[in-house]
Amino acid sequence: MANLHKFTVQESLNASTGNAGGWTVNTLQTVEGSDDTLNELQLNDATTIVVLQATVETQIRFTTTSNDSEQLTTGDISIPASSIVTMNVPRNLGTGIYLQFESASTTHGNLKIVEV
């Protein structure tokens, strides 16, 4: 019989519940310039939401491929500098999700990442 229950009630309603009240503050990440190496952080498998705050405009993407050699492009998500952004982690990627990031310019900066 087919499994028709692909999402929880919260996911199907797009309700942000977090991982049962978890709040993991990661170490401050360095955001390299777009002409440098791509940076990444492997997220906890229980993480459903990330809270991000960058000091420079930062491009991000979620992937299951560590050390992806491709540069981020203007088609990836861009976070404005000095803003706090909250977003859901895509669940359809499976486990072992990496948050990859780099500066949208050649300017270096920092990125605060909190996993919920």
PDB file of N, CA and C in Angstrom:
ATOM      1  N   MET A   1       0.840  -1.176   0.000  1.00  0.00           N
ATOM      2  CA  MET A   1       0.000   0.000   0.000  1.00  0.00           C
ATOM      3  C   MET A   1       0.890   1.245   0.000  1.00  0.00           C
ATOM      4  N   ALA A   2       0.477   2.240  -0.714  1.00  0.00           N
ATOM      5  CA  ALA A   2       1.260   3.472  -0.830  1.00  0.00           C
ATOM      6  C   ALA A   2       1.262   4.246   0.479  1.00  0.00           C
ATOM      7  N   ASN A   3       2.418   4.858   0.776  1.00  0.00           N
ATOM      8  CA  ASN A   3       2.533   5.711   1.952  1.00  0.00           C
ATOM      9  C   ASN A   3       2.105   7.121   1.550  1.00  0.00           C
ATOM     10  N   LEU A   4       0.908   7.518   1.961  1.00  0.00           N
ATOM     11  CA  LEU A   4       0.371   8.819   1.593  1.00  0.00           C
ATOM     12  C   LEU A   4       0.724   9.897   2.605  1.00  0.00           C
ATOM     13  N   HIS A   5       1.382   9.505   3.701  1.00  0.00           N
ATOM     14  CA  HIS A   5       1.724  10.449   4.764  1.00  0.00           C
ATOM     15  C   HIS A   5       3.178  10.888   4.613  1.00  0.00           C
ATOM     16  N   LYS A   6       3.441  11.724   3.637  1.00  0.00           N
ATOM     17  CA  LYS A   6       4.800  12.169   3.361  1.00  0.00           C
ATOM     18  C   LYS A   6       5.231  13.296   4.286  1.00  0.00           C
ATOM     19  N   PHE A   7       4.287  14.054   4.834  1.00  0.00           N
ATOM     20  CA  PHE A   7       4.607  15.209   5.667  1.00  0.00           C
ATOM     21  C   PHE A   7       3.846  15.124   6.986  1.00  0.00           C
ATOM     22  N   THR A   8       4.429  15.721   8.017  1.00  0.00           N
ATOM     23  CA  THR A   8       3.712  15.836   9.279  1.00  0.00           C
ATOM     24  C   THR A   8       2.634  16.899   9.120  1.00  0.00           C
ATOM     25  N   VAL A   9       1.750  16.992  10.099  1.00  0.00           N
ATOM     26  CA  VAL A   9       0.701  18.007  10.051  1.00  0.00           C
ATOM     27  C   VAL A   9       1.323  19.398   9.983  1.00  0.00           C
ATOM     28  N   GLN A  10       2.374  19.639  10.801  1.00  0.00           N
ATOM     29  CA  GLN A  10       3.016  20.948  10.810  1.00  0.00           C
ATOM     30  C   GLN A  10       3.629  21.272   9.454  1.00  0.00           C
ATOM     31  N   GLU A  11       4.294  20.279   8.827  1.00  0.00           N
ATOM     32  CA  GLU A  11       4.920  20.519   7.529  1.00  0.00           C
ATOM     33  C   GLU A  11       3.874  20.794   6.455  1.00  0.00           C
ATOM     34  N   SER A  12       2.781  20.056   6.466  1.00  0.00           N
ATOM     35  CA  SER A  12       1.760  20.248   5.440  1.00  0.00           C
ATOM     36  C   SER A  12       1.069  21.599   5.578  1.00  0.00           C
ATOM     37  N   LEU A  13       1.028  22.133   6.805  1.00  0.00           N
ATOM     38  CA  LEU A  13       0.442  23.457   7.031  1.00  0.00           C
ATOM     39  C   LEU A  13       1.485  24.557   6.965  1.00  0.00           C
ATOM     40  N   ASN A  14       2.749  24.178   6.717  1.00  0.00           N
ATOM     41  CA  ASN A  14       3.875  25.097   6.670  1.00  0.00           C
ATOM     42  C   ASN A  14       4.044  25.843   7.997  1.00  0.00           C
ATOM     43  N   ALA A  15       3.796  25.128   9.099  1.00  0.00           N
ATOM     44  CA  ALA A  15       3.965  25.713  10.431  1.00  0.00           C
ATOM     45  C   ALA A  15       5.400  25.478  10.889  1.00  0.00           C
ATOM     46  N   SER A  16       6.040  26.501  11.377  1.00  0.00           N
ATOM     47  CA  SER A  16       7.418  26.411  11.836  1.00  0.00           C
ATOM     48  C   SER A  16       7.449  26.051  13.316  1.00  0.00           C
ATOM     49  N   THR A  17       7.818  24.817  13.623  1.00  0.00           N
ATOM     50  CA  THR A  17       7.815  24.376  15.020  1.00  0.00           C
ATOM     51  C   THR A  17       9.211  24.179  15.568  1.00  0.00           C
ATOM     52  N   GLY A  18      10.213  24.116  14.716  1.00  0.00           N
ATOM     53  CA  GLY A  18      11.574  23.877  15.201  1.00  0.00           C
ATOM     54  C   GLY A  18      11.732  22.448  15.682  1.00  0.00           C
ATOM     55  N   ASN A  19      12.929  22.094  16.133  1.00  0.00           N
ATOM     56  CA  ASN A  19      13.177  20.708  16.558  1.00  0.00           C
ATOM     57  C   ASN A  19      12.934  20.571  18.058  1.00  0.00           C
ATOM     58  N   ALA A  20      11.677  20.648  18.444  1.00  0.00           N
ATOM     59  CA  ALA A  20      11.248  20.463  19.834  1.00  0.00           C
ATOM     60  C   ALA A  20      11.939  21.446  20.774  1.00  0.00           C
ATOM     61  N   GLY A  21      12.045  22.672  20.346  1.00  0.00           N
ATOM     62  CA  GLY A  21      12.598  23.706  21.205  1.00  0.00           C
ATOM     63  C   GLY A  21      14.105  23.797  21.216  1.00  0.00           C
ATOM     64  N   GLY A  22      14.782  23.099  20.307  1.00  0.00           N
ATOM     65  CA  GLY A  22      16.236  23.169  20.250  1.00  0.00           C
ATOM     66  C   GLY A  22      16.701  24.556  19.821  1.00  0.00           C
ATOM     67  N   TRP A  23      17.882  24.953  20.287  1.00  0.00           N
ATOM     68  CA  TRP A  23      18.454  26.251  19.923  1.00  0.00           C
ATOM     69  C   TRP A  23      19.956  26.078  19.983  1.00  0.00           C
ATOM     70  N   THR A  24      20.590  25.827  18.852  1.00  0.00           N
ATOM     71  CA  THR A  24      22.026  25.577  18.796  1.00  0.00           C
ATOM     72  C   THR A  24      22.715  26.760  18.139  1.00  0.00           C
ATOM     73  N   VAL A  25      23.531  27.457  18.919  1.00  0.00           N
ATOM     74  CA  VAL A  25      24.290  28.589  18.393  1.00  0.00           C
ATOM     75  C   VAL A  25      25.631  28.059  17.907  1.00  0.00           C
ATOM     76  N   ASN A  26      25.899  28.196  16.632  1.00  0.00           N
ATOM     77  CA  ASN A  26      27.158  27.733  16.051  1.00  0.00           C
ATOM     78  C   ASN A  26      28.241  28.792  16.233  1.00  0.00           C
ATOM     79  N   THR A  27      29.491  28.378  16.088  1.00  0.00           N
ATOM     80  CA  THR A  27      30.583  29.342  16.154  1.00  0.00           C
ATOM     81  C   THR A  27      30.448  30.315  14.980  1.00  0.00           C
ATOM     82  N   LEU A  28      30.954  31.511  15.165  1.00  0.00           N
ATOM     83  CA  LEU A  28      30.897  32.534  14.134  1.00  0.00           C
ATOM     84  C   LEU A  28      31.623  32.041  12.887  1.00  0.00           C
ATOM     85  N   GLN A  29      30.960  32.078  11.753  1.00  0.00           N
ATOM     86  CA  GLN A  29      31.522  31.586  10.500  1.00  0.00           C
ATOM     87  C   GLN A  29      32.109  32.739   9.696  1.00  0.00           C
ATOM     88  N   THR A  30      33.245  32.507   9.064  1.00  0.00           N
ATOM     89  CA  THR A  30      33.845  33.487   8.170  1.00  0.00           C
ATOM     90  C   THR A  30      33.241  33.329   6.787  1.00  0.00           C
ATOM     91  N   VAL A  31      32.803  34.437   6.215  1.00  0.00           N
ATOM     92  CA  VAL A  31      32.258  34.443   4.863  1.00  0.00           C
ATOM     93  C   VAL A  31      33.344  34.968   3.946  1.00  0.00           C
ATOM     94  N   GLU A  32      33.875  34.086   3.113  1.00  0.00           N
ATOM     95  CA  GLU A  32      34.925  34.471   2.171  1.00  0.00           C
ATOM     96  C   GLU A  32      34.318  35.220   1.004  1.00  0.00           C
ATOM     97  N   GLY A  33      35.143  35.998   0.334  1.00  0.00           N
ATOM     98  CA  GLY A  33      34.697  36.710  -0.853  1.00  0.00           C
ATOM     99  C   GLY A  33      34.350  35.755  -1.974  1.00  0.00           C
ATOM    100  N   SER A  34      33.545  36.205  -2.926  1.00  0.00           N
ATOM    101  CA  SER A  34      33.092  35.352  -4.022  1.00  0.00           C
ATOM    102  C   SER A  34      34.234  34.859  -4.903  1.00  0.00           C
ATOM    103  N   ASP A  35      35.415  35.460  -4.767  1.00  0.00           N
ATOM    104  CA  ASP A  35      36.566  35.016  -5.544  1.00  0.00           C
ATOM    105  C   ASP A  35      37.408  33.998  -4.771  1.00  0.00           C
ATOM    106  N   ASP A  36      36.940  33.600  -3.567  1.00  0.00           N
ATOM    107  CA  ASP A  36      37.662  32.654  -2.720  1.00  0.00           C
ATOM    108  C   ASP A  36      36.894  31.339  -2.590  1.00  0.00           C
ATOM    109  N   THR A  37      37.294  30.554  -1.618  1.00  0.00           N
ATOM    110  CA  THR A  37      36.705  29.240  -1.393  1.00  0.00           C
ATOM    111  C   THR A  37      35.293  29.337  -0.817  1.00  0.00           C
ATOM    112  N   LEU A  38      34.426  28.445  -1.257  1.00  0.00           N
ATOM    113  CA  LEU A  38      33.070  28.327  -0.739  1.00  0.00           C
ATOM    114  C   LEU A  38      33.132  27.766   0.676  1.00  0.00           C
ATOM    115  N   ASN A  39      32.363  28.320   1.616  1.00  0.00           N
ATOM    116  CA  ASN A  39      32.319  27.841   2.990  1.00  0.00           C
ATOM    117  C   ASN A  39      31.052  27.030   3.211  1.00  0.00           C
ATOM    118  N   GLU A  40      31.084  26.155   4.233  1.00  0.00           N
ATOM    119  CA  GLU A  40      29.900  25.356   4.518  1.00  0.00           C
ATOM    120  C   GLU A  40      29.851  24.950   5.981  1.00  0.00           C
ATOM    121  N   LEU A  41      28.651  24.591   6.427  1.00  0.00           N
ATOM    122  CA  LEU A  41      28.417  24.068   7.770  1.00  0.00           C
ATOM    123  C   LEU A  41      27.433  22.926   7.638  1.00  0.00           C
ATOM    124  N   GLN A  42      27.792  21.741   8.171  1.00  0.00           N
ATOM    125  CA  GLN A  42      26.849  20.630   8.153  1.00  0.00           C
ATOM    126  C   GLN A  42      25.850  20.841   9.278  1.00  0.00           C
ATOM    127  N   LEU A  43      24.573  20.816   8.924  1.00  0.00           N
ATOM    128  CA  LEU A  43      23.512  21.038   9.895  1.00  0.00           C
ATOM    129  C   LEU A  43      23.168  19.746  10.617  1.00  0.00           C
ATOM    130  N   ASN A  44      22.708  19.890  11.856  1.00  0.00           N
ATOM    131  CA  ASN A  44      22.227  18.752  12.631  1.00  0.00           C
ATOM    132  C   ASN A  44      21.015  18.167  11.908  1.00  0.00           C
ATOM    133  N   ASP A  45      20.882  16.840  11.894  1.00  0.00           N
ATOM    134  CA  ASP A  45      19.753  16.210  11.200  1.00  0.00           C
ATOM    135  C   ASP A  45      18.405  16.628  11.778  1.00  0.00           C
ATOM    136  N   ALA A  46      18.368  17.054  13.050  1.00  0.00           N
ATOM    137  CA  ALA A  46      17.115  17.475  13.675  1.00  0.00           C
ATOM    138  C   ALA A  46      16.764  18.932  13.380  1.00  0.00           C
ATOM    139  N   THR A  47      17.667  19.671  12.761  1.00  0.00           N
ATOM    140  CA  THR A  47      17.425  21.092  12.486  1.00  0.00           C
ATOM    141  C   THR A  47      16.358  21.255  11.411  1.00  0.00           C
ATOM    142  N   THR A  48      15.351  22.065  11.709  1.00  0.00           N
ATOM    143  CA  THR A  48      14.296  22.338  10.733  1.00  0.00           C
ATOM    144  C   THR A  48      14.273  23.797  10.308  1.00  0.00           C
ATOM    145  N   ILE A  49      14.908  24.668  11.117  1.00  0.00           N
ATOM    146  CA  ILE A  49      14.928  26.102  10.826  1.00  0.00           C
ATOM    147  C   ILE A  49      16.331  26.626  11.088  1.00  0.00           C
ATOM    148  N   VAL A  50      16.810  27.545  10.252  1.00  0.00           N
ATOM    149  CA  VAL A  50      18.061  28.240  10.529  1.00  0.00           C
ATOM    150  C   VAL A  50      17.772  29.731  10.646  1.00  0.00           C
ATOM    151  N   VAL A  51      18.463  30.363  11.595  1.00  0.00           N
ATOM    152  CA  VAL A  51      18.399  31.807  11.769  1.00  0.00           C
ATOM    153  C   VAL A  51      19.775  32.325  11.380  1.00  0.00           C
ATOM    154  N   LEU A  52      19.819  33.249  10.433  1.00  0.00           N
ATOM    155  CA  LEU A  52      21.080  33.724   9.875  1.00  0.00           C
ATOM    156  C   LEU A  52      21.204  35.235  10.017  1.00  0.00           C
ATOM    157  N   GLN A  53      22.418  35.690  10.334  1.00  0.00           N
ATOM    158  CA  GLN A  53      22.717  37.114  10.370  1.00  0.00           C
ATOM    159  C   GLN A  53      24.123  37.298   9.821  1.00  0.00           C
ATOM    160  N   ALA A  54      24.246  38.037   8.737  1.00  0.00           N
ATOM    161  CA  ALA A  54      25.529  38.229   8.067  1.00  0.00           C
ATOM    162  C   ALA A  54      25.967  39.685   8.132  1.00  0.00           C
ATOM    163  N   THR A  55      27.283  39.895   8.139  1.00  0.00           N
ATOM    164  CA  THR A  55      27.809  41.267   8.139  1.00  0.00           C
ATOM    165  C   THR A  55      28.008  41.794   6.723  1.00  0.00           C
ATOM    166  N   VAL A  56      27.980  40.905   5.730  1.00  0.00           N
ATOM    167  CA  VAL A  56      28.057  41.292   4.320  1.00  0.00           C
ATOM    168  C   VAL A  56      26.941  40.566   3.571  1.00  0.00           C
ATOM    169  N   GLU A  57      26.563  41.073   2.395  1.00  0.00           N
ATOM    170  CA  GLU A  57      25.569  40.360   1.603  1.00  0.00           C
ATOM    171  C   GLU A  57      26.113  38.968   1.306  1.00  0.00           C
ATOM    172  N   THR A  58      25.327  37.947   1.635  1.00  0.00           N
ATOM    173  CA  THR A  58      25.805  36.563   1.569  1.00  0.00           C
ATOM    174  C   THR A  58      24.856  35.712   0.744  1.00  0.00           C
ATOM    175  N   GLN A  59      25.423  34.918  -0.150  1.00  0.00           N
ATOM    176  CA  GLN A  59      24.628  33.964  -0.925  1.00  0.00           C
ATOM    177  C   GLN A  59      24.707  32.610  -0.235  1.00  0.00           C
ATOM    178  N   ILE A  60      23.570  31.901  -0.180  1.00  0.00           N
ATOM    179  CA  ILE A  60      23.542  30.590   0.479  1.00  0.00           C
ATOM    180  C   ILE A  60      22.804  29.577  -0.383  1.00  0.00           C
ATOM    181  N   ARG A  61      23.030  28.315  -0.058  1.00  0.00           N
ATOM    182  CA  ARG A  61      22.235  27.223  -0.625  1.00  0.00           C
ATOM    183  C   ARG A  61      22.324  26.038   0.321  1.00  0.00           C
ATOM    184  N   PHE A  62      21.347  25.157   0.222  1.00  0.00           N
ATOM    185  CA  PHE A  62      21.333  23.913   0.973  1.00  0.00           C
ATOM    186  C   PHE A  62      21.665  22.790   0.004  1.00  0.00           C
ATOM    187  N   THR A  63      22.512  21.852   0.431  1.00  0.00           N
ATOM    188  CA  THR A  63      22.905  20.737  -0.423  1.00  0.00           C
ATOM    189  C   THR A  63      23.315  19.547   0.432  1.00  0.00           C
ATOM    190  N   THR A  64      23.393  18.390  -0.150  1.00  0.00           N
ATOM    191  CA  THR A  64      23.908  17.209   0.543  1.00  0.00           C
ATOM    192  C   THR A  64      25.314  16.872   0.067  1.00  0.00           C
ATOM    193  N   THR A  65      25.886  17.709  -0.788  1.00  0.00           N
ATOM    194  CA  THR A  65      27.224  17.493  -1.324  1.00  0.00           C
ATOM    195  C   THR A  65      28.220  18.381  -0.597  1.00  0.00           C
ATOM    196  N   SER A  66      29.099  17.773   0.184  1.00  0.00           N
ATOM    197  CA  SER A  66      30.120  18.531   0.899  1.00  0.00           C
ATOM    198  C   SER A  66      31.203  18.997  -0.065  1.00  0.00           C
ATOM    199  N   ASN A  67      31.766  20.157   0.223  1.00  0.00           N
ATOM    200  CA  ASN A  67      32.854  20.719  -0.584  1.00  0.00           C
ATOM    201  C   ASN A  67      32.502  20.795  -2.062  1.00  0.00           C
ATOM    202  N   ASP A  68      31.299  21.224  -2.342  1.00  0.00           N
ATOM    203  CA  ASP A  68      30.849  21.389  -3.716  1.00  0.00           C
ATOM    204  C   ASP A  68      31.762  22.400  -4.400  1.00  0.00           C
ATOM    205  N   SER A  69      32.313  22.039  -5.527  1.00  0.00           N
ATOM    206  CA  SER A  69      33.288  22.903  -6.193  1.00  0.00           C
ATOM    207  C   SER A  69      32.643  24.047  -6.977  1.00  0.00           C
ATOM    208  N   GLU A  70      31.328  23.965  -7.171  1.00  0.00           N
ATOM    209  CA  GLU A  70      30.656  25.022  -7.931  1.00  0.00           C
ATOM    210  C   GLU A  70      30.536  26.289  -7.087  1.00  0.00           C
ATOM    211  N   GLN A  71      30.720  27.426  -7.713  1.00  0.00           N
ATOM    212  CA  GLN A  71      30.526  28.695  -7.030  1.00  0.00           C
ATOM    213  C   GLN A  71      29.029  28.973  -6.937  1.00  0.00           C
ATOM    214  N   LEU A  72      28.644  29.683  -5.911  1.00  0.00           N
ATOM    215  CA  LEU A  72      27.263  30.117  -5.823  1.00  0.00           C
ATOM    216  C   LEU A  72      27.013  31.149  -6.913  1.00  0.00           C
ATOM    217  N   THR A  73      25.777  31.224  -7.370  1.00  0.00           N
ATOM    218  CA  THR A  73      25.455  32.125  -8.471  1.00  0.00           C
ATOM    219  C   THR A  73      24.394  33.124  -8.043  1.00  0.00           C
ATOM    220  N   THR A  74      24.090  34.053  -8.906  1.00  0.00           N
ATOM    221  CA  THR A  74      23.043  35.025  -8.604  1.00  0.00           C
ATOM    222  C   THR A  74      21.679  34.357  -8.497  1.00  0.00           C
ATOM    223  N   GLY A  75      21.567  33.101  -8.930  1.00  0.00           N
ATOM    224  CA  GLY A  75      20.311  32.358  -8.802  1.00  0.00           C
ATOM    225  C   GLY A  75      20.109  31.769  -7.421  1.00  0.00           C
ATOM    226  N   ASP A  76      21.156  31.739  -6.602  1.00  0.00           N
ATOM    227  CA  ASP A  76      21.031  31.226  -5.242  1.00  0.00           C
ATOM    228  C   ASP A  76      20.441  32.306  -4.334  1.00  0.00           C
ATOM    229  N   ILE A  77      20.060  31.915  -3.125  1.00  0.00           N
ATOM    230  CA  ILE A  77      19.438  32.843  -2.183  1.00  0.00           C
ATOM    231  C   ILE A  77      20.475  33.841  -1.683  1.00  0.00           C
ATOM    232  N   SER A  78      20.107  35.101  -1.628  1.00  0.00           N
ATOM    233  CA  SER A  78      21.001  36.153  -1.154  1.00  0.00           C
ATOM    234  C   SER A  78      20.420  36.771   0.116  1.00  0.00           C
ATOM    235  N   ILE A  79      21.247  36.861   1.152  1.00  0.00           N
ATOM    236  CA  ILE A  79      20.845  37.452   2.424  1.00  0.00           C
ATOM    237  C   ILE A  79      21.473  38.838   2.515  1.00  0.00           C
ATOM    238  N   PRO A  80      20.668  39.866   2.748  1.00  0.00           N
ATOM    239  CA  PRO A  80      21.232  41.207   2.867  1.00  0.00           C
ATOM    240  C   PRO A  80      22.095  41.351   4.125  1.00  0.00           C
ATOM    241  N   ALA A  81      23.056  42.234   4.069  1.00  0.00           N
ATOM    242  CA  ALA A  81      23.919  42.491   5.224  1.00  0.00           C
ATOM    243  C   ALA A  81      23.106  43.084   6.368  1.00  0.00           C
ATOM    244  N   SER A  82      23.530  42.760   7.584  1.00  0.00           N
ATOM    245  CA  SER A  82      22.943  43.313   8.818  1.00  0.00           C
ATOM    246  C   SER A  82      21.458  43.025   8.982  1.00  0.00           C
ATOM    247  N   SER A  83      20.980  41.938   8.407  1.00  0.00           N
ATOM    248  CA  SER A  83      19.582  41.525   8.558  1.00  0.00           C
ATOM    249  C   SER A  83      19.543  40.165   9.240  1.00  0.00           C
ATOM    250  N   ILE A  84      18.471  39.910   9.968  1.00  0.00           N
ATOM    251  CA  ILE A  84      18.257  38.587  10.552  1.00  0.00           C
ATOM    252  C   ILE A  84      17.226  37.882   9.687  1.00  0.00           C
ATOM    253  N   VAL A  85      17.596  36.710   9.170  1.00  0.00           N
ATOM    254  CA  VAL A  85      16.746  35.956   8.268  1.00  0.00           C
ATOM    255  C   VAL A  85      16.481  34.590   8.884  1.00  0.00           C
ATOM    256  N   THR A  86      15.223  34.178   8.875  1.00  0.00           N
ATOM    257  CA  THR A  86      14.830  32.861   9.363  1.00  0.00           C
ATOM    258  C   THR A  86      14.243  32.085   8.198  1.00  0.00           C
ATOM    259  N   MET A  87      14.713  30.849   8.003  1.00  0.00           N
ATOM    260  CA  MET A  87      14.162  30.045   6.917  1.00  0.00           C
ATOM    261  C   MET A  87      14.127  28.571   7.289  1.00  0.00           C
ATOM    262  N   ASN A  88      13.187  27.868   6.680  1.00  0.00           N
ATOM    263  CA  ASN A  88      13.064  26.434   6.883  1.00  0.00           C
ATOM    264  C   ASN A  88      14.143  25.710   6.098  1.00  0.00           C
ATOM    265  N   VAL A  89      14.673  24.646   6.686  1.00  0.00           N
ATOM    266  CA  VAL A  89      15.637  23.795   5.995  1.00  0.00           C
ATOM    267  C   VAL A  89      14.839  22.842   5.102  1.00  0.00           C
ATOM    268  N   PRO A  90      15.186  22.715   3.834  1.00  0.00           N
ATOM    269  CA  PRO A  90      14.438  21.819   2.952  1.00  0.00           C
ATOM    270  C   PRO A  90      14.493  20.378   3.452  1.00  0.00           C
ATOM    271  N   ARG A  91      13.358  19.733   3.562  1.00  0.00           N
ATOM    272  CA  ARG A  91      13.292  18.367   4.080  1.00  0.00           C
ATOM    273  C   ARG A  91      13.456  17.331   2.966  1.00  0.00           C
ATOM    274  N   ASN A  92      13.234  17.687   1.737  1.00  0.00           N
ATOM    275  CA  ASN A  92      13.282  16.715   0.644  1.00  0.00           C
ATOM    276  C   ASN A  92      14.701  16.311   0.256  1.00  0.00           C
ATOM    277  N   LEU A  93      15.714  16.944   0.861  1.00  0.00           N
ATOM    278  CA  LEU A  93      17.103  16.603   0.527  1.00  0.00           C
ATOM    279  C   LEU A  93      17.576  15.356   1.264  1.00  0.00           C
ATOM    280  N   GLY A  94      16.908  15.006   2.359  1.00  0.00           N
ATOM    281  CA  GLY A  94      17.325  13.852   3.156  1.00  0.00           C
ATOM    282  C   GLY A  94      18.182  14.284   4.326  1.00  0.00           C
ATOM    283  N   THR A  95      19.139  13.430   4.708  1.00  0.00           N
ATOM    284  CA  THR A  95      20.008  13.735   5.844  1.00  0.00           C
ATOM    285  C   THR A  95      21.373  14.205   5.349  1.00  0.00           C
ATOM    286  N   GLY A  96      22.168  14.717   6.255  1.00  0.00           N
ATOM    287  CA  GLY A  96      23.496  15.208   5.881  1.00  0.00           C
ATOM    288  C   GLY A  96      23.429  16.479   5.079  1.00  0.00           C
ATOM    289  N   ILE A  97      22.610  17.437   5.525  1.00  0.00           N
ATOM    290  CA  ILE A  97      22.424  18.686   4.778  1.00  0.00           C
ATOM    291  C   ILE A  97      23.497  19.694   5.168  1.00  0.00           C
ATOM    292  N   TYR A  98      24.078  20.313   4.167  1.00  0.00           N
ATOM    293  CA  TYR A  98      25.085  21.354   4.366  1.00  0.00           C
ATOM    294  C   TYR A  98      24.487  22.704   3.987  1.00  0.00           C
ATOM    295  N   LEU A  99      24.798  23.708   4.784  1.00  0.00           N
ATOM    296  CA  LEU A  99      24.495  25.087   4.434  1.00  0.00           C
ATOM    297  C   LEU A  99      25.776  25.663   3.865  1.00  0.00           C
ATOM    298  N   GLN A 100      25.769  25.987   2.575  1.00  0.00           N
ATOM    299  CA  GLN A 100      26.956  26.545   1.925  1.00  0.00           C
ATOM    300  C   GLN A 100      26.748  28.038   1.727  1.00  0.00           C
ATOM    301  N   PHE A 101      27.823  28.803   1.878  1.00  0.00           N
ATOM    302  CA  PHE A 101      27.691  30.252   1.824  1.00  0.00           C
ATOM    303  C   PHE A 101      28.970  30.905   1.347  1.00  0.00           C
ATOM    304  N   GLU A 102      28.823  32.085   0.756  1.00  0.00           N
ATOM    305  CA  GLU A 102      29.950  32.933   0.378  1.00  0.00           C
ATOM    306  C   GLU A 102      29.441  34.353   0.192  1.00  0.00           C
ATOM    307  N   SER A 103      30.342  35.286   0.248  1.00  0.00           N
ATOM    308  CA  SER A 103      29.993  36.690   0.057  1.00  0.00           C
ATOM    309  C   SER A 103      29.512  36.901  -1.378  1.00  0.00           C
ATOM    310  N   ALA A 104      28.554  37.797  -1.528  1.00  0.00           N
ATOM    311  CA  ALA A 104      28.054  38.126  -2.860  1.00  0.00           C
ATOM    312  C   ALA A 104      29.049  38.997  -3.627  1.00  0.00           C
ATOM    313  N   SER A 105      30.078  39.485  -2.930  1.00  0.00           N
ATOM    314  CA  SER A 105      31.125  40.291  -3.569  1.00  0.00           C
ATOM    315  C   SER A 105      32.487  39.742  -3.138  1.00  0.00           C
ATOM    316  N   THR A 106      33.528  40.500  -3.376  1.00  0.00           N
ATOM    317  CA  THR A 106      34.862  40.050  -2.945  1.00  0.00           C
ATOM    318  C   THR A 106      35.153  40.441  -1.499  1.00  0.00           C
ATOM    319  N   THR A 107      34.207  41.107  -0.843  1.00  0.00           N
ATOM    320  CA  THR A 107      34.363  41.539   0.546  1.00  0.00           C
ATOM    321  C   THR A 107      34.129  40.368   1.499  1.00  0.00           C
ATOM    322  N   HIS A 108      35.025  40.210   2.492  1.00  0.00           N
ATOM    323  CA  HIS A 108      34.870  39.160   3.494  1.00  0.00           C
ATOM    324  C   HIS A 108      33.998  39.671   4.645  1.00  0.00           C
ATOM    325  N   GLY A 109      33.402  38.741   5.379  1.00  0.00           N
ATOM    326  CA  GLY A 109      32.564  39.110   6.511  1.00  0.00           C
ATOM    327  C   GLY A 109      32.350  37.930   7.439  1.00  0.00           C
ATOM    328  N   ASN A 110      31.318  38.010   8.255  1.00  0.00           N
ATOM    329  CA  ASN A 110      30.985  36.949   9.195  1.00  0.00           C
ATOM    330  C   ASN A 110      29.523  36.577   9.050  1.00  0.00           C
ATOM    331  N   LEU A 111      29.213  35.346   9.475  1.00  0.00           N
ATOM    332  CA  LEU A 111      27.841  34.847   9.427  1.00  0.00           C
ATOM    333  C   LEU A 111      27.532  34.151  10.729  1.00  0.00           C
ATOM    334  N   LYS A 112      26.473  34.602  11.397  1.00  0.00           N
ATOM    335  CA  LYS A 112      25.979  33.943  12.611  1.00  0.00           C
ATOM    336  C   LYS A 112      24.915  32.958  12.183  1.00  0.00           C
ATOM    337  N   ILE A 113      25.008  31.703  12.660  1.00  0.00           N
ATOM    338  CA  ILE A 113      24.038  30.676  12.296  1.00  0.00           C
ATOM    339  C   ILE A 113      23.508  30.039  13.578  1.00  0.00           C
ATOM    340  N   VAL A 114      22.195  30.070  13.741  1.00  0.00           N
ATOM    341  CA  VAL A 114      21.543  29.397  14.856  1.00  0.00           C
ATOM    342  C   VAL A 114      20.624  28.336  14.266  1.00  0.00           C
ATOM    343  N   GLU A 115      20.744  27.106  14.775  1.00  0.00           N
ATOM    344  CA  GLU A 115      19.893  26.011  14.310  1.00  0.00           C
ATOM    345  C   GLU A 115      18.756  25.802  15.302  1.00  0.00           C
ATOM    346  N   VAL A 116      17.529  25.729  14.792  1.00  0.00           N
ATOM    347  CA  VAL A 116      16.354  25.505  15.623  1.00  0.00           C
ATOM    348  C   VAL A 116      15.710  24.209  15.193  1.00  0.00           C
TER     349      VAL A 116
END
